[in-house]
N, C-alpha and C. Protein backbone atom coordinates (compact mmCIF):
# COMPACT_ATOMS: atom_id res chain seq x y z
N MET A 1 88.79 104.61 42.66
CA MET A 1 87.76 103.70 42.97
C MET A 1 88.02 102.36 42.26
N SER A 2 87.84 101.26 42.89
CA SER A 2 88.16 99.94 42.37
C SER A 2 86.98 99.45 41.46
N ASN A 3 87.29 98.56 40.53
CA ASN A 3 86.32 98.02 39.72
C ASN A 3 85.73 96.78 40.35
N THR A 4 84.52 96.86 40.83
CA THR A 4 83.90 95.73 41.65
C THR A 4 83.60 94.49 40.81
N SER A 5 83.58 94.70 39.45
CA SER A 5 83.23 93.56 38.61
C SER A 5 84.46 92.77 38.35
N ASN A 6 85.64 93.19 38.67
CA ASN A 6 86.85 92.49 38.40
C ASN A 6 87.36 91.96 39.77
N ASN A 7 87.14 90.67 40.04
CA ASN A 7 87.50 90.05 41.27
C ASN A 7 88.91 89.46 41.30
N THR A 8 89.74 89.77 40.30
CA THR A 8 91.05 89.16 40.24
C THR A 8 91.93 89.47 41.36
N MET A 9 91.74 90.60 42.01
CA MET A 9 92.59 91.01 43.14
C MET A 9 91.93 90.98 44.44
N SER A 10 90.62 90.82 44.45
CA SER A 10 89.82 90.89 45.73
C SER A 10 90.03 89.58 46.45
N ARG A 11 90.31 89.67 47.77
CA ARG A 11 90.33 88.48 48.64
C ARG A 11 89.03 88.55 49.49
N ILE A 12 88.29 87.43 49.42
CA ILE A 12 87.02 87.43 49.96
C ILE A 12 86.92 86.25 51.03
N ARG A 13 86.17 86.52 52.06
CA ARG A 13 85.87 85.47 53.05
C ARG A 13 84.37 85.02 52.87
N VAL A 14 84.21 83.73 52.94
CA VAL A 14 82.83 83.21 52.94
C VAL A 14 82.66 82.28 54.19
N THR A 15 81.48 82.16 54.69
CA THR A 15 81.17 81.42 55.89
C THR A 15 79.98 80.50 55.69
N LYS A 16 80.07 79.35 56.19
CA LYS A 16 78.95 78.43 56.20
C LYS A 16 78.78 77.88 57.63
N GLU A 17 77.49 77.71 58.00
CA GLU A 17 77.18 77.26 59.33
C GLU A 17 76.81 75.77 59.24
N PHE A 18 77.16 75.02 60.31
CA PHE A 18 76.89 73.58 60.39
C PHE A 18 76.35 73.37 61.84
N SER A 19 75.53 72.30 62.00
CA SER A 19 75.07 72.01 63.31
C SER A 19 75.07 70.56 63.55
N PHE A 20 75.29 70.08 64.78
CA PHE A 20 75.32 68.70 65.16
C PHE A 20 75.07 68.58 66.64
N GLU A 21 74.65 67.39 67.02
CA GLU A 21 74.44 67.10 68.38
C GLU A 21 75.49 66.12 68.90
N MET A 22 76.13 66.40 69.99
CA MET A 22 77.23 65.59 70.52
C MET A 22 77.22 65.58 72.01
N ALA A 23 77.63 64.42 72.56
CA ALA A 23 77.82 64.30 73.99
C ALA A 23 79.29 64.15 74.26
N HIS A 24 79.70 64.57 75.47
CA HIS A 24 81.06 64.36 75.92
C HIS A 24 81.09 64.33 77.41
N MET A 25 82.23 64.04 77.91
CA MET A 25 82.55 64.15 79.30
C MET A 25 83.92 64.63 79.47
N LEU A 26 84.20 65.33 80.48
CA LEU A 26 85.59 65.87 80.75
C LEU A 26 86.17 65.06 81.76
N GLU A 27 87.03 64.11 81.40
CA GLU A 27 87.69 63.22 82.33
C GLU A 27 88.46 63.86 83.39
N GLY A 28 88.17 63.60 84.67
CA GLY A 28 88.89 64.18 85.80
C GLY A 28 88.53 65.61 86.11
N TYR A 29 87.61 66.23 85.40
CA TYR A 29 87.19 67.61 85.62
C TYR A 29 86.57 67.62 87.06
N ASP A 30 86.73 68.84 87.66
CA ASP A 30 86.31 69.00 89.05
C ASP A 30 84.88 69.70 89.09
N GLY A 31 84.05 69.42 88.16
CA GLY A 31 82.71 69.95 88.14
C GLY A 31 81.76 69.04 87.46
N PRO A 32 80.55 69.50 87.22
CA PRO A 32 79.46 68.66 86.60
C PRO A 32 79.77 68.17 85.20
N CYS A 33 80.68 68.85 84.52
CA CYS A 33 81.05 68.37 83.10
C CYS A 33 81.85 67.18 83.15
N SER A 34 82.15 66.57 84.30
CA SER A 34 82.87 65.25 84.33
C SER A 34 81.78 64.18 84.03
N GLU A 35 80.57 64.47 84.15
CA GLU A 35 79.49 63.56 83.79
C GLU A 35 79.19 63.61 82.30
N ILE A 36 78.67 62.53 81.73
CA ILE A 36 78.26 62.55 80.35
C ILE A 36 77.10 63.53 80.16
N HIS A 37 77.27 64.41 79.17
CA HIS A 37 76.21 65.38 78.90
C HIS A 37 76.38 65.82 77.43
N GLY A 38 75.29 66.41 76.89
CA GLY A 38 75.33 66.75 75.46
C GLY A 38 75.04 68.16 75.21
N HIS A 39 75.38 68.56 73.95
CA HIS A 39 75.22 69.91 73.53
C HIS A 39 74.71 69.94 72.06
N SER A 40 74.02 70.97 71.75
CA SER A 40 73.61 71.20 70.36
C SER A 40 74.70 72.26 69.80
N TYR A 41 75.71 71.65 69.11
CA TYR A 41 76.81 72.48 68.62
C TYR A 41 76.41 73.18 67.31
N ARG A 42 77.03 74.45 67.19
CA ARG A 42 76.94 75.16 65.94
C ARG A 42 78.36 75.53 65.52
N LEU A 43 78.74 75.19 64.33
CA LEU A 43 80.10 75.44 63.82
C LEU A 43 80.01 76.35 62.66
N PHE A 44 80.69 77.53 62.73
CA PHE A 44 80.77 78.44 61.61
C PHE A 44 82.18 78.28 61.02
N VAL A 45 82.26 78.01 59.78
CA VAL A 45 83.46 77.80 59.06
C VAL A 45 83.67 78.95 58.09
N THR A 46 84.73 79.71 58.25
CA THR A 46 85.07 80.81 57.31
C THR A 46 86.33 80.51 56.61
N VAL A 47 86.21 80.55 55.29
CA VAL A 47 87.40 80.33 54.50
C VAL A 47 87.64 81.64 53.64
N ALA A 48 88.87 81.77 53.13
CA ALA A 48 89.24 82.99 52.35
C ALA A 48 89.93 82.60 51.11
N GLY A 49 89.82 83.42 50.13
CA GLY A 49 90.52 83.18 48.84
C GLY A 49 90.09 84.22 47.82
N THR A 50 90.62 84.08 46.68
CA THR A 50 90.37 84.99 45.59
C THR A 50 89.27 84.30 44.69
N PRO A 51 88.18 84.94 44.45
CA PRO A 51 87.15 84.34 43.60
C PRO A 51 87.69 83.98 42.23
N CYS A 52 87.11 82.89 41.64
CA CYS A 52 87.50 82.47 40.31
C CYS A 52 87.22 83.65 39.34
N SER A 53 88.21 84.00 38.52
CA SER A 53 88.15 85.09 37.62
C SER A 53 87.88 84.69 36.20
N ASP A 54 87.76 83.44 35.92
CA ASP A 54 87.51 82.93 34.53
C ASP A 54 86.01 82.97 34.24
N PRO A 55 85.56 83.88 33.35
CA PRO A 55 84.16 83.98 33.08
C PRO A 55 83.62 82.71 32.40
N GLN A 56 84.48 81.89 31.85
CA GLN A 56 84.05 80.62 31.21
C GLN A 56 83.87 79.51 32.21
N ASN A 57 84.34 79.68 33.42
CA ASN A 57 84.24 78.62 34.43
C ASN A 57 82.90 78.75 35.16
N PRO A 58 82.20 77.69 35.33
CA PRO A 58 80.87 77.76 36.08
C PRO A 58 81.00 78.26 37.45
N LYS A 59 82.24 78.20 38.03
CA LYS A 59 82.51 78.65 39.36
C LYS A 59 82.89 80.13 39.39
N TYR A 60 82.81 80.82 38.27
CA TYR A 60 83.24 82.24 38.16
C TYR A 60 82.59 82.97 39.28
N GLY A 61 83.47 83.74 39.98
CA GLY A 61 82.97 84.56 41.09
C GLY A 61 82.94 83.89 42.47
N MET A 62 83.26 82.67 42.48
CA MET A 62 83.23 81.91 43.73
C MET A 62 84.58 81.67 44.31
N VAL A 63 84.77 81.89 45.68
CA VAL A 63 85.95 81.45 46.43
C VAL A 63 85.93 79.97 46.49
N ILE A 64 84.81 79.44 46.92
CA ILE A 64 84.64 77.98 47.02
C ILE A 64 83.17 77.75 46.77
N ASP A 65 82.82 76.61 46.10
CA ASP A 65 81.54 76.15 45.98
C ASP A 65 81.01 75.79 47.41
N PHE A 66 79.91 76.33 47.88
CA PHE A 66 79.39 75.95 49.20
C PHE A 66 79.14 74.43 49.32
N GLY A 67 78.82 73.82 48.18
CA GLY A 67 78.60 72.37 48.20
C GLY A 67 79.92 71.60 48.49
N VAL A 68 81.01 72.12 48.05
CA VAL A 68 82.36 71.49 48.34
C VAL A 68 82.58 71.70 49.81
N LEU A 69 82.37 72.88 50.34
CA LEU A 69 82.65 73.11 51.76
C LEU A 69 81.73 72.18 52.61
N LYS A 70 80.46 72.02 52.16
CA LYS A 70 79.53 71.17 52.89
C LYS A 70 79.98 69.71 52.91
N ARG A 71 80.53 69.32 51.73
CA ARG A 71 81.03 67.95 51.66
C ARG A 71 82.26 67.73 52.59
N ILE A 72 83.15 68.68 52.62
CA ILE A 72 84.32 68.54 53.48
C ILE A 72 83.91 68.52 54.95
N VAL A 73 83.18 69.53 55.39
CA VAL A 73 82.89 69.61 56.79
C VAL A 73 81.89 68.57 57.14
N GLY A 74 80.93 68.31 56.31
CA GLY A 74 79.94 67.25 56.55
C GLY A 74 80.55 65.90 56.75
N GLY A 75 81.50 65.60 55.86
CA GLY A 75 82.14 64.27 55.93
C GLY A 75 83.18 64.08 56.96
N ARG A 76 83.89 65.12 57.28
CA ARG A 76 85.00 65.00 58.18
C ARG A 76 84.71 65.42 59.68
N ILE A 77 83.64 66.23 59.79
CA ILE A 77 83.25 66.70 61.11
C ILE A 77 81.85 66.24 61.51
N VAL A 78 80.85 66.77 60.82
CA VAL A 78 79.43 66.47 61.18
C VAL A 78 79.11 64.98 61.21
N ASP A 79 79.41 64.25 60.13
CA ASP A 79 79.10 62.86 60.05
C ASP A 79 79.85 62.04 61.20
N VAL A 80 81.02 62.52 61.55
CA VAL A 80 81.85 61.77 62.57
C VAL A 80 81.25 62.09 63.97
N TYR A 81 81.01 63.36 64.23
CA TYR A 81 80.66 63.73 65.63
C TYR A 81 79.18 63.85 65.93
N ASP A 82 78.29 63.92 64.86
CA ASP A 82 76.85 64.05 65.16
C ASP A 82 76.38 62.79 65.92
N HIS A 83 75.63 63.03 66.98
CA HIS A 83 75.11 61.95 67.81
C HIS A 83 76.22 60.93 68.25
N SER A 84 77.40 61.47 68.52
CA SER A 84 78.44 60.63 69.12
C SER A 84 78.71 61.02 70.52
N LEU A 85 79.45 60.13 71.17
CA LEU A 85 79.93 60.42 72.58
C LEU A 85 81.40 60.58 72.43
N VAL A 86 82.00 61.60 72.90
CA VAL A 86 83.44 61.91 72.80
C VAL A 86 84.03 61.85 74.20
N VAL A 87 85.00 60.97 74.42
CA VAL A 87 85.66 60.85 75.69
C VAL A 87 87.21 60.87 75.42
N ARG A 88 87.89 61.32 76.51
CA ARG A 88 89.33 61.38 76.46
C ARG A 88 89.83 59.97 76.82
N ARG A 89 90.76 59.45 76.01
CA ARG A 89 91.37 58.19 76.30
C ARG A 89 92.48 58.38 77.38
N THR A 90 92.35 57.81 78.49
CA THR A 90 93.41 57.83 79.56
C THR A 90 93.69 56.41 80.07
N ALA A 91 94.76 56.30 80.83
CA ALA A 91 95.18 55.06 81.34
C ALA A 91 94.01 54.53 82.34
N ASP A 92 93.24 55.40 82.91
CA ASP A 92 92.26 55.00 83.92
C ASP A 92 90.94 54.61 83.27
N ASN A 93 90.59 54.99 82.03
CA ASN A 93 89.31 54.68 81.56
C ASN A 93 89.24 53.72 80.34
N GLY A 94 90.24 52.90 80.16
CA GLY A 94 90.23 51.96 79.11
C GLY A 94 89.07 51.01 79.20
N GLU A 95 88.74 50.51 80.40
CA GLU A 95 87.60 49.52 80.51
C GLU A 95 86.31 50.22 80.16
N LEU A 96 86.17 51.48 80.61
CA LEU A 96 84.95 52.22 80.29
C LEU A 96 84.80 52.40 78.81
N ILE A 97 85.88 52.76 78.11
CA ILE A 97 85.77 52.97 76.70
C ILE A 97 85.47 51.65 75.99
N ARG A 98 86.05 50.53 76.39
CA ARG A 98 85.65 49.25 75.74
C ARG A 98 84.18 48.97 75.94
N THR A 99 83.71 49.22 77.19
CA THR A 99 82.27 48.86 77.43
C THR A 99 81.39 49.79 76.62
N LEU A 100 81.66 51.03 76.55
CA LEU A 100 80.91 51.93 75.77
C LEU A 100 80.93 51.66 74.26
N ALA A 101 82.10 51.32 73.79
CA ALA A 101 82.26 51.00 72.40
C ALA A 101 81.51 49.73 71.97
N ALA A 102 81.42 48.76 72.95
CA ALA A 102 80.63 47.55 72.69
C ALA A 102 79.14 47.85 72.57
N ARG A 103 78.70 48.85 73.15
CA ARG A 103 77.23 49.25 73.21
C ARG A 103 76.86 50.28 72.17
N PHE A 104 77.72 51.25 71.99
CA PHE A 104 77.36 52.44 71.13
C PHE A 104 78.33 52.49 69.92
N GLY A 105 77.72 52.70 68.79
CA GLY A 105 78.53 52.73 67.49
C GLY A 105 79.28 54.02 67.28
N LYS A 106 78.86 55.10 67.91
CA LYS A 106 79.50 56.40 67.62
C LYS A 106 80.28 56.88 68.87
N LEU A 107 81.15 56.10 69.34
CA LEU A 107 82.07 56.56 70.43
C LEU A 107 83.31 57.05 69.78
N GLN A 108 83.74 58.20 70.13
CA GLN A 108 85.04 58.77 69.70
C GLN A 108 85.95 58.88 70.97
N ALA A 109 86.89 58.02 70.98
CA ALA A 109 87.92 58.15 72.06
C ALA A 109 89.10 58.90 71.51
N VAL A 110 89.42 60.04 72.08
CA VAL A 110 90.38 60.98 71.65
C VAL A 110 91.50 61.13 72.64
N GLU A 111 92.62 61.63 72.11
CA GLU A 111 93.85 61.84 72.97
C GLU A 111 93.77 63.14 73.71
N PHE A 112 92.81 63.91 73.63
CA PHE A 112 92.75 65.25 74.20
C PHE A 112 91.45 65.39 75.01
N GLN A 113 91.46 66.28 75.99
CA GLN A 113 90.22 66.56 76.73
C GLN A 113 89.20 67.26 75.75
N PRO A 114 87.95 66.70 75.53
CA PRO A 114 87.07 67.22 74.54
C PRO A 114 86.37 68.52 74.97
N THR A 115 87.12 69.54 75.31
CA THR A 115 86.60 70.88 75.55
C THR A 115 86.27 71.53 74.25
N CYS A 116 85.46 72.54 74.30
CA CYS A 116 85.18 73.35 73.15
C CYS A 116 86.37 73.85 72.41
N GLU A 117 87.35 74.35 73.27
CA GLU A 117 88.63 74.86 72.75
C GLU A 117 89.45 73.82 72.02
N ASN A 118 89.55 72.60 72.60
CA ASN A 118 90.31 71.54 71.93
C ASN A 118 89.59 71.05 70.69
N LEU A 119 88.28 70.96 70.70
CA LEU A 119 87.48 70.46 69.59
C LEU A 119 87.65 71.45 68.39
N VAL A 120 87.56 72.75 68.64
CA VAL A 120 87.68 73.70 67.56
C VAL A 120 89.10 73.62 66.94
N THR A 121 90.10 73.37 67.77
CA THR A 121 91.45 73.20 67.23
C THR A 121 91.52 71.96 66.39
N ARG A 122 91.04 70.85 66.86
CA ARG A 122 91.01 69.62 66.06
C ARG A 122 90.26 69.80 64.76
N PHE A 123 89.13 70.45 64.81
CA PHE A 123 88.29 70.68 63.63
C PHE A 123 89.11 71.54 62.61
N ALA A 124 89.78 72.57 63.09
CA ALA A 124 90.58 73.43 62.18
C ALA A 124 91.64 72.66 61.48
N GLU A 125 92.36 71.80 62.14
CA GLU A 125 93.40 70.92 61.56
C GLU A 125 92.76 70.04 60.47
N THR A 126 91.58 69.44 60.82
CA THR A 126 90.96 68.51 59.88
C THR A 126 90.49 69.24 58.66
N ILE A 127 89.82 70.37 58.81
CA ILE A 127 89.24 71.14 57.69
C ILE A 127 90.28 71.63 56.77
N ALA A 128 91.28 72.28 57.44
CA ALA A 128 92.38 73.04 56.59
C ALA A 128 93.07 71.99 55.67
N ALA A 129 93.23 70.77 56.09
CA ALA A 129 93.90 69.74 55.37
C ALA A 129 93.15 69.30 54.07
N GLU A 130 91.87 69.57 54.12
CA GLU A 130 90.99 69.12 53.02
C GLU A 130 90.56 70.17 52.01
N LEU A 131 90.88 71.41 52.31
CA LEU A 131 90.46 72.55 51.43
C LEU A 131 91.17 72.48 50.12
N PRO A 132 90.46 72.93 49.05
CA PRO A 132 91.11 72.90 47.71
C PRO A 132 92.22 73.99 47.63
N ARG A 133 93.11 73.86 46.70
CA ARG A 133 94.21 74.75 46.49
C ARG A 133 93.66 76.15 46.29
N GLY A 134 94.31 77.12 46.96
CA GLY A 134 93.93 78.50 46.81
C GLY A 134 92.82 79.00 47.86
N VAL A 135 92.30 78.03 48.57
CA VAL A 135 91.31 78.39 49.61
C VAL A 135 91.96 78.05 50.96
N GLU A 136 91.96 79.05 51.83
CA GLU A 136 92.54 78.87 53.15
C GLU A 136 91.55 79.00 54.27
N LEU A 137 91.69 78.24 55.31
CA LEU A 137 90.83 78.35 56.46
C LEU A 137 91.16 79.66 57.16
N PHE A 138 90.14 80.49 57.35
CA PHE A 138 90.37 81.75 58.03
C PHE A 138 90.04 81.68 59.48
N SER A 139 88.88 81.10 59.80
CA SER A 139 88.46 81.00 61.18
C SER A 139 87.39 79.99 61.37
N LEU A 140 87.27 79.52 62.64
CA LEU A 140 86.16 78.68 63.01
C LEU A 140 85.58 79.34 64.31
N ARG A 141 84.29 79.13 64.46
CA ARG A 141 83.61 79.47 65.69
C ARG A 141 82.75 78.28 66.00
N LEU A 142 82.94 77.75 67.18
CA LEU A 142 82.22 76.56 67.69
C LEU A 142 81.43 76.91 68.89
N HIS A 143 80.07 76.98 68.67
CA HIS A 143 79.20 77.28 69.79
C HIS A 143 78.85 75.93 70.51
N GLU A 144 79.12 75.88 71.76
CA GLU A 144 78.81 74.71 72.58
C GLU A 144 77.39 74.91 73.20
N THR A 145 77.10 76.10 73.55
CA THR A 145 75.79 76.45 73.98
C THR A 145 75.34 77.76 73.24
N ALA A 146 74.12 78.28 73.45
CA ALA A 146 73.67 79.54 72.83
C ALA A 146 74.52 80.69 73.22
N THR A 147 75.24 80.66 74.40
CA THR A 147 76.00 81.79 74.91
C THR A 147 77.40 81.52 75.06
N SER A 148 77.95 80.39 74.73
CA SER A 148 79.36 79.98 74.93
C SER A 148 79.96 79.39 73.73
N TYR A 149 81.07 79.92 73.32
CA TYR A 149 81.74 79.38 72.07
C TYR A 149 83.26 79.61 72.17
N ALA A 150 83.97 78.88 71.34
CA ALA A 150 85.46 78.99 71.21
C ALA A 150 85.73 79.38 69.74
N GLU A 151 86.69 80.19 69.52
CA GLU A 151 87.04 80.61 68.23
C GLU A 151 88.53 80.28 67.92
N TRP A 152 88.74 79.89 66.63
CA TRP A 152 90.05 79.63 66.11
C TRP A 152 90.33 80.51 64.87
N PHE A 153 91.41 81.21 64.93
CA PHE A 153 91.76 82.03 63.80
C PHE A 153 93.17 81.69 63.21
N ALA A 154 93.27 81.51 61.90
CA ALA A 154 94.54 81.18 61.27
C ALA A 154 95.59 82.15 61.66
N SER A 155 95.25 83.49 61.75
CA SER A 155 96.27 84.43 62.00
C SER A 155 96.84 84.32 63.42
N ASP A 156 96.20 83.68 64.35
CA ASP A 156 96.63 83.41 65.66
C ASP A 156 97.57 82.15 65.72
N ASN A 157 97.50 81.33 64.69
CA ASN A 157 98.16 80.07 64.73
C ASN A 157 99.13 79.89 63.61
N ALA A 158 99.66 81.02 63.09
CA ALA A 158 100.62 80.97 61.93
C ALA A 158 102.03 80.69 62.46
């Protein structure tokens, strides 16, 4: 039987949920999502690591301070995408992007089709690059609607 008070060898996953409102359009798509429309996104960020084992450290027992995770995801994802319009930059829509950018302050013109799958991949790259040493991104789940989501797992992308 393991000693549960000794976290020096335990690897733990912790998850924090974030939410934001975002509009997008799928350039050239053959359905209604080619129109500008919005979603109430929910992003679940799961990180993994070994909890701090130093009893003198105020972070003793933590894999990551949830405040640190909130600062990373809040600053790099939520603040950027909340109440923004995300469109794919193509050769055909340069004028549209310029017009929208002149009117709206939170336009994100990206190099990829802003599907839930592509967004979760971009978010994974962004978050993983900001995590403190010893903490790894384990998975992301991005809900585009109450019943539809995309997942990213580090083990699938190693």
